[in-house]
Amino acid sequence: MTFLRNVMNNNNREWFQSHRADYDAARADFEQGVALAIGRIAEFDPSIAKIGVKDATYRFYRDTRFSQDKSPYKNHFGAYINAHGKKALRGGYYLHLEPGHCLVAVGNYWLPTNVLTSCRNEMMANEEQWLKCVESRAFKKYYGSKHETLDWAESWEAPQGFGLTKLKTCPSGFPRDYEHVRYLRLKDYCAWHHVSDDFFASDTWLDDMEHMFRAAKPMMDFVNSVIDDYE
């Protein structure tokens, strides 16, 4: 975290090259943590057991070709642990280390419209099962929002939440008066929970991470069962 704070204040190639040893040490420390996370997650989700650290982590160098921000380096470390790879439609587990913005997240992002439609149909056809996933005590503890109304909206800035992007109204072809229409409006099934900057330095971080991931796994499994028909 000290290294990342320094990058935020000195995001240029000259500084980075003179502190390359600090980067290598921080990167190694992060990757060791990712390896521990994979091992722990595999205990309750064997599908990711064969995922390596390199399969889950991202480059620290930013792609500035299409960005107004020309800072050459990221100010965070991230790992996405997904049985089908980082670019898969299938959901996975995400760890994000950034000063003032550390979090864990579970689920799916940027799903195509046809997959979303299938997910919505599955929710309505198996309403009781879906509600058990997203309205359980454990799920609400870590991912519940205080704004779950028809107009509720969230972002990564919220302490926790479920669904980063949403339609303004009910999707076409679905009943507008459906009691649980807020779930039909979701355009992703991403659940996140912010943690403190010293979370990953705690002696209990693996246990705490496991509790958070287990709470959201039924939701992700529900959605992944639909996505598996497309991948």
C-alpha atoms as a PDB file:
ATOM      1  CA  MET A   1       0.000   0.000   0.000  1.00  0.00           C
ATOM      2  CA  THR A   2       2.936   2.321   0.673  1.00  0.00           C
ATOM      3  CA  PHE A   3       4.214   1.688  -2.841  1.00  0.00           C
ATOM      4  CA  LEU A   4       0.795   2.391  -4.359  1.00  0.00           C
ATOM      5  CA  ARG A   5       0.489   5.652  -2.456  1.00  0.00           C
ATOM      6  CA  ASN A   6       3.900   6.669  -3.783  1.00  0.00           C
ATOM      7  CA  VAL A   7       2.828   5.845  -7.333  1.00  0.00           C
ATOM      8  CA  MET A   8      -0.247   8.020  -6.955  1.00  0.00           C
ATOM      9  CA  ASN A   9       2.032  10.945  -6.101  1.00  0.00           C
ATOM     10  CA  ASN A  10       4.765  10.132  -8.648  1.00  0.00           C
ATOM     11  CA  ASN A  11       3.099   8.547 -11.650  1.00  0.00           C
ATOM     12  CA  ASN A  12       5.883   9.005 -14.200  1.00  0.00           C
ATOM     13  CA  ARG A  13       8.439   6.731 -15.830  1.00  0.00           C
ATOM     14  CA  GLU A  14      11.514   8.406 -14.352  1.00  0.00           C
ATOM     15  CA  TRP A  15      10.315   7.898 -10.779  1.00  0.00           C
ATOM     16  CA  PHE A  16       9.135   4.363 -11.488  1.00  0.00           C
ATOM     17  CA  GLN A  17      12.435   3.260 -12.986  1.00  0.00           C
ATOM     18  CA  SER A  18      14.334   4.598  -9.993  1.00  0.00           C
ATOM     19  CA  HIS A  19      11.994   2.651  -7.692  1.00  0.00           C
ATOM     20  CA  ARG A  20      11.745  -0.530  -9.738  1.00  0.00           C
ATOM     21  CA  ALA A  21      12.938  -2.639  -6.794  1.00  0.00           C
ATOM     22  CA  ASP A  22      10.047  -1.309  -4.703  1.00  0.00           C
ATOM     23  CA  TYR A  23       7.616  -2.295  -7.451  1.00  0.00           C
ATOM     24  CA  ASP A  24       9.090  -5.792  -7.735  1.00  0.00           C
ATOM     25  CA  ALA A  25       8.783  -6.275  -3.973  1.00  0.00           C
ATOM     26  CA  ALA A  26       5.202  -4.972  -3.856  1.00  0.00           C
ATOM     27  CA  ARG A  27       4.207  -7.073  -6.856  1.00  0.00           C
ATOM     28  CA  ALA A  28       5.697 -10.212  -5.311  1.00  0.00           C
ATOM     29  CA  ASP A  29       3.864  -9.523  -2.052  1.00  0.00           C
ATOM     30  CA  PHE A  30       0.577  -9.050  -3.899  1.00  0.00           C
ATOM     31  CA  GLU A  31       1.018 -12.206  -5.972  1.00  0.00           C
ATOM     32  CA  GLN A  32       1.740 -14.207  -2.848  1.00  0.00           C
ATOM     33  CA  GLY A  33      -1.579 -12.981  -1.460  1.00  0.00           C
ATOM     34  CA  VAL A  34      -3.367 -13.932  -4.683  1.00  0.00           C
ATOM     35  CA  ALA A  35      -1.928 -17.441  -4.460  1.00  0.00           C
ATOM     36  CA  LEU A  36      -3.269 -17.739  -0.918  1.00  0.00           C
ATOM     37  CA  ALA A  37      -6.666 -16.460  -2.055  1.00  0.00           C
ATOM     38  CA  ILE A  38      -6.850 -18.993  -4.901  1.00  0.00           C
ATOM     39  CA  GLY A  39      -6.012 -21.799  -2.506  1.00  0.00           C
ATOM     40  CA  ARG A  40      -8.706 -20.726  -0.065  1.00  0.00           C
ATOM     41  CA  ILE A  41     -11.397 -20.186  -2.719  1.00  0.00           C
ATOM     42  CA  ALA A  42     -10.648 -23.589  -4.257  1.00  0.00           C
ATOM     43  CA  GLU A  43     -11.724 -25.183  -0.979  1.00  0.00           C
ATOM     44  CA  PHE A  44     -15.352 -24.186  -1.647  1.00  0.00           C
ATOM     45  CA  ASP A  45     -15.176 -23.655  -5.429  1.00  0.00           C
ATOM     46  CA  PRO A  46     -12.996 -26.407  -6.984  1.00  0.00           C
ATOM     47  CA  SER A  47     -13.594 -24.986 -10.476  1.00  0.00           C
ATOM     48  CA  ILE A  48     -10.804 -22.408  -9.939  1.00  0.00           C
ATOM     49  CA  ALA A  49      -8.287 -24.824  -8.394  1.00  0.00           C
ATOM     50  CA  LYS A  50      -6.101 -24.914 -11.508  1.00  0.00           C
ATOM     51  CA  ILE A  51      -6.000 -21.130 -11.980  1.00  0.00           C
ATOM     52  CA  GLY A  52      -2.489 -19.733 -11.615  1.00  0.00           C
ATOM     53  CA  VAL A  53      -1.540 -16.332 -10.258  1.00  0.00           C
ATOM     54  CA  LYS A  54      -0.533 -15.131 -13.730  1.00  0.00           C
ATOM     55  CA  ASP A  55      -3.953 -16.174 -15.040  1.00  0.00           C
ATOM     56  CA  ALA A  56      -5.662 -13.914 -12.512  1.00  0.00           C
ATOM     57  CA  THR A  57      -3.507 -10.789 -12.324  1.00  0.00           C
ATOM     58  CA  TYR A  58      -3.265  -7.746 -14.618  1.00  0.00           C
ATOM     59  CA  ARG A  59      -0.454  -5.652 -16.056  1.00  0.00           C
ATOM     60  CA  PHE A  60       0.537  -2.680 -13.939  1.00  0.00           C
ATOM     61  CA  TYR A  61       1.198  -0.594 -17.035  1.00  0.00           C
ATOM     62  CA  ARG A  62      -1.776   1.383 -18.318  1.00  0.00           C
ATOM     63  CA  ASP A  63      -2.922   1.381 -21.939  1.00  0.00           C
ATOM     64  CA  THR A  64      -3.034   5.120 -22.617  1.00  0.00           C
ATOM     65  CA  ARG A  65      -3.781   4.982 -26.347  1.00  0.00           C
ATOM     66  CA  PHE A  66      -7.465   5.841 -25.991  1.00  0.00           C
ATOM     67  CA  SER A  67      -7.417   7.663 -22.657  1.00  0.00           C
ATOM     68  CA  GLN A  68      -7.106  11.340 -21.829  1.00  0.00           C
ATOM     69  CA  ASP A  69      -5.226  10.295 -18.705  1.00  0.00           C
ATOM     70  CA  LYS A  70      -1.675   9.587 -19.901  1.00  0.00           C
ATOM     71  CA  SER A  71      -0.386   8.383 -16.535  1.00  0.00           C
ATOM     72  CA  PRO A  72       1.752   5.366 -17.433  1.00  0.00           C
ATOM     73  CA  TYR A  73       0.971   3.237 -14.378  1.00  0.00           C
ATOM     74  CA  LYS A  74      -2.066   2.058 -12.476  1.00  0.00           C
ATOM     75  CA  ASN A  75      -2.503   3.042  -8.857  1.00  0.00           C
ATOM     76  CA  HIS A  76      -3.888  -0.334  -7.852  1.00  0.00           C
ATOM     77  CA  PHE A  77      -3.271  -4.064  -7.961  1.00  0.00           C
ATOM     78  CA  GLY A  78      -6.142  -6.266  -9.083  1.00  0.00           C
ATOM     79  CA  ALA A  79      -6.783  -9.977  -9.478  1.00  0.00           C
ATOM     80  CA  TYR A  80      -9.791 -11.619 -11.124  1.00  0.00           C
ATOM     81  CA  ILE A  81     -10.020 -15.320 -10.284  1.00  0.00           C
ATOM     82  CA  ASN A  82     -12.244 -16.924 -12.905  1.00  0.00           C
ATOM     83  CA  ALA A  83     -12.379 -20.593 -13.927  1.00  0.00           C
ATOM     84  CA  HIS A  84     -12.744 -19.610 -17.603  1.00  0.00           C
ATOM     85  CA  GLY A  85     -10.211 -16.779 -17.626  1.00  0.00           C
ATOM     86  CA  LYS A  86     -10.274 -13.026 -17.071  1.00  0.00           C
ATOM     87  CA  LYS A  87     -12.217 -12.298 -20.274  1.00  0.00           C
ATOM     88  CA  ALA A  88     -14.931 -14.911 -19.778  1.00  0.00           C
ATOM     89  CA  LEU A  89     -18.623 -14.083 -19.509  1.00  0.00           C
ATOM     90  CA  ARG A  90     -18.788 -16.445 -16.556  1.00  0.00           C
ATOM     91  CA  GLY A  91     -18.547 -14.763 -13.182  1.00  0.00           C
ATOM     92  CA  GLY A  92     -15.592 -14.904 -10.823  1.00  0.00           C
ATOM     93  CA  TYR A  93     -13.926 -13.422  -7.747  1.00  0.00           C
ATOM     94  CA  TYR A  94     -12.139 -10.063  -7.721  1.00  0.00           C
ATOM     95  CA  LEU A  95      -9.623  -8.534  -5.297  1.00  0.00           C
ATOM     96  CA  HIS A  96      -8.750  -4.843  -5.577  1.00  0.00           C
ATOM     97  CA  LEU A  97      -5.962  -3.108  -3.645  1.00  0.00           C
ATOM     98  CA  GLU A  98      -5.953   0.684  -3.957  1.00  0.00           C
ATOM     99  CA  PRO A  99      -5.327   3.256  -1.227  1.00  0.00           C
ATOM    100  CA  GLY A 100      -8.704   4.438   0.005  1.00  0.00           C
ATOM    101  CA  HIS A 101     -10.559   2.118  -2.352  1.00  0.00           C
ATOM    102  CA  CYS A 102      -9.844  -1.512  -1.454  1.00  0.00           C
ATOM    103  CA  LEU A 103     -12.656  -3.971  -2.136  1.00  0.00           C
ATOM    104  CA  VAL A 104     -13.699  -7.509  -2.911  1.00  0.00           C
ATOM    105  CA  ALA A 105     -16.245  -8.298  -5.597  1.00  0.00           C
ATOM    106  CA  VAL A 106     -18.079 -11.308  -6.987  1.00  0.00           C
ATOM    107  CA  GLY A 107     -20.065 -11.912 -10.147  1.00  0.00           C
ATOM    108  CA  ASN A 108     -20.442 -10.916 -13.785  1.00  0.00           C
ATOM    109  CA  TYR A 109     -19.939  -7.725 -15.734  1.00  0.00           C
ATOM    110  CA  TRP A 110     -20.739  -6.486 -19.261  1.00  0.00           C
ATOM    111  CA  LEU A 111     -23.048  -9.325 -20.267  1.00  0.00           C
ATOM    112  CA  PRO A 112     -24.506  -9.270 -23.820  1.00  0.00           C
ATOM    113  CA  THR A 113     -28.199  -8.459 -24.171  1.00  0.00           C
ATOM    114  CA  ASN A 114     -29.187 -11.988 -25.178  1.00  0.00           C
ATOM    115  CA  VAL A 115     -27.516 -13.420 -22.069  1.00  0.00           C
ATOM    116  CA  LEU A 116     -29.157 -10.796 -19.855  1.00  0.00           C
ATOM    117  CA  THR A 117     -32.545 -11.702 -21.332  1.00  0.00           C
ATOM    118  CA  SER A 118     -31.964 -15.358 -20.541  1.00  0.00           C
ATOM    119  CA  CYS A 119     -30.899 -14.484 -16.995  1.00  0.00           C
ATOM    120  CA  ARG A 120     -34.024 -12.399 -16.490  1.00  0.00           C
ATOM    121  CA  ASN A 121     -36.238 -15.206 -17.770  1.00  0.00           C
ATOM    122  CA  GLU A 122     -34.492 -17.633 -15.437  1.00  0.00           C
ATOM    123  CA  MET A 123     -35.060 -15.301 -12.475  1.00  0.00           C
ATOM    124  CA  MET A 124     -38.768 -15.107 -13.148  1.00  0.00           C
ATOM    125  CA  ALA A 125     -39.083 -18.840 -13.795  1.00  0.00           C
ATOM    126  CA  ASN A 126     -37.193 -19.664 -10.578  1.00  0.00           C
ATOM    127  CA  GLU A 127     -38.121 -16.658  -8.478  1.00  0.00           C
ATOM    128  CA  GLU A 128     -37.938 -18.405  -5.101  1.00  0.00           C
ATOM    129  CA  GLN A 129     -34.461 -19.779  -5.783  1.00  0.00           C
ATOM    130  CA  TRP A 130     -33.195 -16.385  -7.015  1.00  0.00           C
ATOM    131  CA  LEU A 131     -34.550 -14.513  -4.003  1.00  0.00           C
ATOM    132  CA  LYS A 132     -32.864 -16.993  -1.675  1.00  0.00           C
ATOM    133  CA  CYS A 133     -29.574 -16.067  -3.368  1.00  0.00           C
ATOM    134  CA  VAL A 134     -29.869 -12.270  -3.257  1.00  0.00           C
ATOM    135  CA  GLU A 135     -32.049 -11.676  -0.219  1.00  0.00           C
ATOM    136  CA  SER A 136     -30.334 -14.029   2.192  1.00  0.00           C
ATOM    137  CA  ARG A 137     -29.064 -12.568   5.464  1.00  0.00           C
ATOM    138  CA  ALA A 138     -25.428 -13.184   4.434  1.00  0.00           C
ATOM    139  CA  PHE A 139     -25.799 -11.569   0.991  1.00  0.00           C
ATOM    140  CA  LYS A 140     -27.486  -8.481   2.389  1.00  0.00           C
ATOM    141  CA  LYS A 141     -24.884  -8.164   5.138  1.00  0.00           C
ATOM    142  CA  TYR A 142     -22.059  -7.725   2.641  1.00  0.00           C
ATOM    143  CA  TYR A 143     -23.794  -6.491  -0.533  1.00  0.00           C
ATOM    144  CA  GLY A 144     -27.138  -5.062   0.491  1.00  0.00           C
ATOM    145  CA  SER A 145     -27.931  -1.496  -0.537  1.00  0.00           C
ATOM    146  CA  LYS A 146     -29.852   1.132   1.392  1.00  0.00           C
ATOM    147  CA  HIS A 147     -31.402   2.312  -1.875  1.00  0.00           C
ATOM    148  CA  GLU A 148     -33.172  -0.783  -3.221  1.00  0.00           C
ATOM    149  CA  THR A 149     -36.046   1.097  -4.832  1.00  0.00           C
ATOM    150  CA  LEU A 150     -37.075   1.282  -8.456  1.00  0.00           C
ATOM    151  CA  ASP A 151     -34.671   4.168  -8.934  1.00  0.00           C
ATOM    152  CA  TRP A 152     -31.785   2.907  -6.820  1.00  0.00           C
ATOM    153  CA  ALA A 153     -28.369   3.351  -8.364  1.00  0.00           C
ATOM    154  CA  GLU A 154     -24.907   2.420  -7.198  1.00  0.00           C
ATOM    155  CA  SER A 155     -21.279   2.761  -8.167  1.00  0.00           C
ATOM    156  CA  TRP A 156     -17.913   1.504  -6.989  1.00  0.00           C
ATOM    157  CA  GLU A 157     -17.899   4.512  -4.649  1.00  0.00           C
ATOM    158  CA  ALA A 158     -20.722   3.067  -2.540  1.00  0.00           C
ATOM    159  CA  PRO A 159     -19.521   1.088   0.494  1.00  0.00           C
ATOM    160  CA  GLN A 160     -21.240  -2.007  -0.863  1.00  0.00           C
ATOM    161  CA  GLY A 161     -23.837  -2.923  -3.420  1.00  0.00           C
ATOM    162  CA  PHE A 162     -25.197  -5.203  -6.116  1.00  0.00           C
ATOM    163  CA  GLY A 163     -25.443  -4.114  -9.740  1.00  0.00           C
ATOM    164  CA  LEU A 164     -23.236  -1.373 -11.146  1.00  0.00           C
ATOM    165  CA  THR A 165     -25.360  -0.595 -14.201  1.00  0.00           C
ATOM    166  CA  LYS A 166     -29.136  -0.625 -14.490  1.00  0.00           C
ATOM    167  CA  LEU A 167     -31.829   0.197 -16.976  1.00  0.00           C
ATOM    168  CA  LYS A 168     -33.956   3.229 -16.123  1.00  0.00           C
ATOM    169  CA  THR A 169     -37.118   1.231 -16.739  1.00  0.00           C
ATOM    170  CA  CYS A 170     -38.203  -2.379 -17.012  1.00  0.00           C
ATOM    171  CA  PRO A 171     -36.548  -4.174 -19.959  1.00  0.00           C
ATOM    172  CA  SER A 172     -38.657  -4.621 -23.071  1.00  0.00           C
ATOM    173  CA  GLY A 173     -40.798  -7.731 -23.068  1.00  0.00           C
ATOM    174  CA  PHE A 174     -40.983  -8.050 -19.281  1.00  0.00           C
ATOM    175  CA  PRO A 175     -43.907  -7.048 -17.017  1.00  0.00           C
ATOM    176  CA  ARG A 176     -43.462  -3.566 -15.592  1.00  0.00           C
ATOM    177  CA  ASP A 177     -45.586  -4.423 -12.562  1.00  0.00           C
ATOM    178  CA  TYR A 178     -43.424  -7.403 -11.588  1.00  0.00           C
ATOM    179  CA  GLU A 179     -42.870  -7.302  -7.822  1.00  0.00           C
ATOM    180  CA  HIS A 180     -39.100  -7.789  -8.152  1.00  0.00           C
ATOM    181  CA  VAL A 181     -38.572  -5.672 -11.250  1.00  0.00           C
ATOM    182  CA  ARG A 182     -35.419  -4.108  -9.776  1.00  0.00           C
ATOM    183  CA  TYR A 183     -33.569  -7.346 -10.491  1.00  0.00           C
ATOM    184  CA  LEU A 184     -34.802  -7.391 -14.088  1.00  0.00           C
ATOM    185  CA  ARG A 185     -33.332  -3.925 -14.600  1.00  0.00           C
ATOM    186  CA  LEU A 186     -29.810  -5.037 -13.751  1.00  0.00           C
ATOM    187  CA  LYS A 187     -27.325  -5.007 -16.632  1.00  0.00           C
ATOM    188  CA  ASP A 188     -24.683  -6.834 -14.616  1.00  0.00           C
ATOM    189  CA  TYR A 189     -24.581  -9.101 -11.593  1.00  0.00           C
ATOM    190  CA  CYS A 190     -21.599  -7.643  -9.782  1.00  0.00           C
ATOM    191  CA  ALA A 191     -21.656  -7.589  -5.974  1.00  0.00           C
ATOM    192  CA  TRP A 192     -18.961  -5.623  -4.152  1.00  0.00           C
ATOM    193  CA  HIS A 193     -17.895  -4.736  -0.630  1.00  0.00           C
ATOM    194  CA  HIS A 194     -15.321  -2.108   0.332  1.00  0.00           C
ATOM    195  CA  VAL A 195     -12.720  -3.004   2.933  1.00  0.00           C
ATOM    196  CA  SER A 196     -10.183  -0.958   4.876  1.00  0.00           C
ATOM    197  CA  ASP A 197      -6.676  -0.280   3.577  1.00  0.00           C
ATOM    198  CA  ASP A 198      -5.252  -2.646   6.170  1.00  0.00           C
ATOM    199  CA  PHE A 199      -7.749  -5.442   5.441  1.00  0.00           C
ATOM    200  CA  PHE A 200      -5.294  -7.593   3.490  1.00  0.00           C
ATOM    201  CA  ALA A 201      -2.649  -7.179   6.188  1.00  0.00           C
ATOM    202  CA  SER A 202      -4.928  -8.671   8.824  1.00  0.00           C
ATOM    203  CA  ASP A 203      -4.282 -12.161  10.194  1.00  0.00           C
ATOM    204  CA  THR A 204      -7.910 -13.006   9.410  1.00  0.00           C
ATOM    205  CA  TRP A 205      -8.210 -11.590   5.886  1.00  0.00           C
ATOM    206  CA  LEU A 206      -8.540 -15.007   4.234  1.00  0.00           C
ATOM    207  CA  ASP A 207     -11.346 -15.973   6.602  1.00  0.00           C
ATOM    208  CA  ASP A 208     -13.108 -12.641   6.095  1.00  0.00           C
ATOM    209  CA  MET A 209     -12.692 -12.886   2.319  1.00  0.00           C
ATOM    210  CA  GLU A 210     -14.127 -16.391   2.349  1.00  0.00           C
ATOM    211  CA  HIS A 211     -17.234 -15.247   4.252  1.00  0.00           C
ATOM    212  CA  MET A 212     -17.825 -12.495   1.681  1.00  0.00           C
ATOM    213  CA  PHE A 213     -17.304 -14.758  -1.321  1.00  0.00           C
ATOM    214  CA  ARG A 214     -19.428 -17.572   0.093  1.00  0.00           C
ATOM    215  CA  ALA A 215     -22.274 -15.110   0.669  1.00  0.00           C
ATOM    216  CA  ALA A 216     -22.362 -14.184  -3.026  1.00  0.00           C
ATOM    217  CA  LYS A 217     -21.517 -17.562  -4.566  1.00  0.00           C
ATOM    218  CA  PRO A 218     -25.150 -18.806  -4.780  1.00  0.00           C
ATOM    219  CA  MET A 219     -26.057 -15.689  -6.793  1.00  0.00           C
ATOM    220  CA  MET A 220     -23.066 -16.173  -9.085  1.00  0.00           C
ATOM    221  CA  ASP A 221     -23.788 -19.883  -9.512  1.00  0.00           C
ATOM    222  CA  PHE A 222     -27.374 -19.067 -10.494  1.00  0.00           C
ATOM    223  CA  VAL A 223     -26.229 -16.648 -13.199  1.00  0.00           C
ATOM    224  CA  ASN A 224     -23.345 -18.867 -14.328  1.00  0.00           C
ATOM    225  CA  SER A 225     -25.766 -21.745 -14.894  1.00  0.00           C
ATOM    226  CA  VAL A 226     -27.397 -19.580 -17.567  1.00  0.00           C
ATOM    227  CA  ILE A 227     -24.128 -18.299 -19.027  1.00  0.00           C
ATOM    228  CA  ASP A 228     -22.795 -21.836 -19.384  1.00  0.00           C
ATOM    229  CA  ASP A 229     -25.282 -22.343 -22.230  1.00  0.00           C
ATOM    230  CA  TYR A 230     -23.493 -19.593 -24.184  1.00  0.00           C
ATOM    231  CA  GLU A 231     -19.817 -20.403 -23.535  1.00  0.00           C
END
